[in-house]
Amino acid sequence: MSTLSKNAIIGYPAGIITGITYGLNPLFGVPLMKSGASIASILFFRYSFAVVLLMVFLCLSKQSFKVSAKQAGVLLILGLLYTSSSLFLFEAYHYIASGLATTLIFLYPVIVALIMVFLRVIPSWQVWVSIVVTFLGVLLMTKSDTSQAINPIGVFLSLGSAIVYALFIVIINRSKVIGNISNTLLTFYALSVGSVIFLGKILWSDTELTAGIQGSTAWLNLVGLALLPTIVSTATLAVATRNIGATKASVLGVFEPITAIGVGTLVLGESLATNIIVGILLSVVAVTFMIVSTKR
């Protein structure tokens, strides 16, 4: 008990909070999109608010912002990947239910395993079993029925988000150049890149920065996006990993699709077909099995 109690009390709640907060993306993002706000504006304010808060934290904790030229190059690539992942996910909300779109993001551990094959790190048989079962789960989730038609464009956008996020993770884990950069500083620079990109996109399209963002509710949704799915989820993930290990922290990520589906069904009024429920369960079980059995 003495060897587990302190770490468990801190680590397990942190891991659960990580999954839940990231799964809240649709709760704050979808109402903004429905009110007419552009995706570029939503993500610009989300990233900018988070950057300011992270800057304050880094200054208060007296961390250095200095990075080398090589590190800056890798951080730029990571920022582009992180930005693309968010953009693809929010674009997917236009085509498929937000809960389903966010659930498909949870396939990134399987995609990471496939990427590692190209890096000559061959996955174990447990990983291959998980990949097959997850693929079956995705087929079930994307199969239309009489109650709900699923647009393939939304599915491809969601999978695209998962793929670039997987690349983001692989680079973080494999790059020795950024090995000594803290998670907070890495997140700060990644989100800074996104802020600049989305501001440029807004200026290029000649649209109003705050178009569709009106009233206190809209601004609270933007602050909610910056705080919960961005800063809190990143911070609690680090806390969980340090206290209970990466394996158990990753397994607790199953709260992400569960939360997203709950928000979509209970709050946003999205329909939930039987095939989607079965597909989600298969995918979640497969990914959990892969993480637990391989201890990676």
Foldseek 3Di string as FASTA:
>chain_A
DVVADVLVVQQPVLLLLLQQLLLCCCVLQVVLVVLPDDLLLLLLLLLVLLLVVLVVVCVVVVHDLDADPVVLVLLLLLLVLLLLLSVLLSVLVVFFQNLLLQLLLLCLVLLLQVVVVVVVPHADVLSVVLNVLLVVLLVLQQDDDPVDHGDVSSVVSSNSSSNSVSVSVVCQVPPPRCVPPDLSSSLSSSSVSSNVVSVVVCVVVVHDSCVSQDDPSSVVSSVSSNPRSRPSSSVSLVSNCVRPNNLVSSLSSLSSSVNNVCCRVVPVPDDDDPSNVVSSVSNSVSVNSSSVVVVD
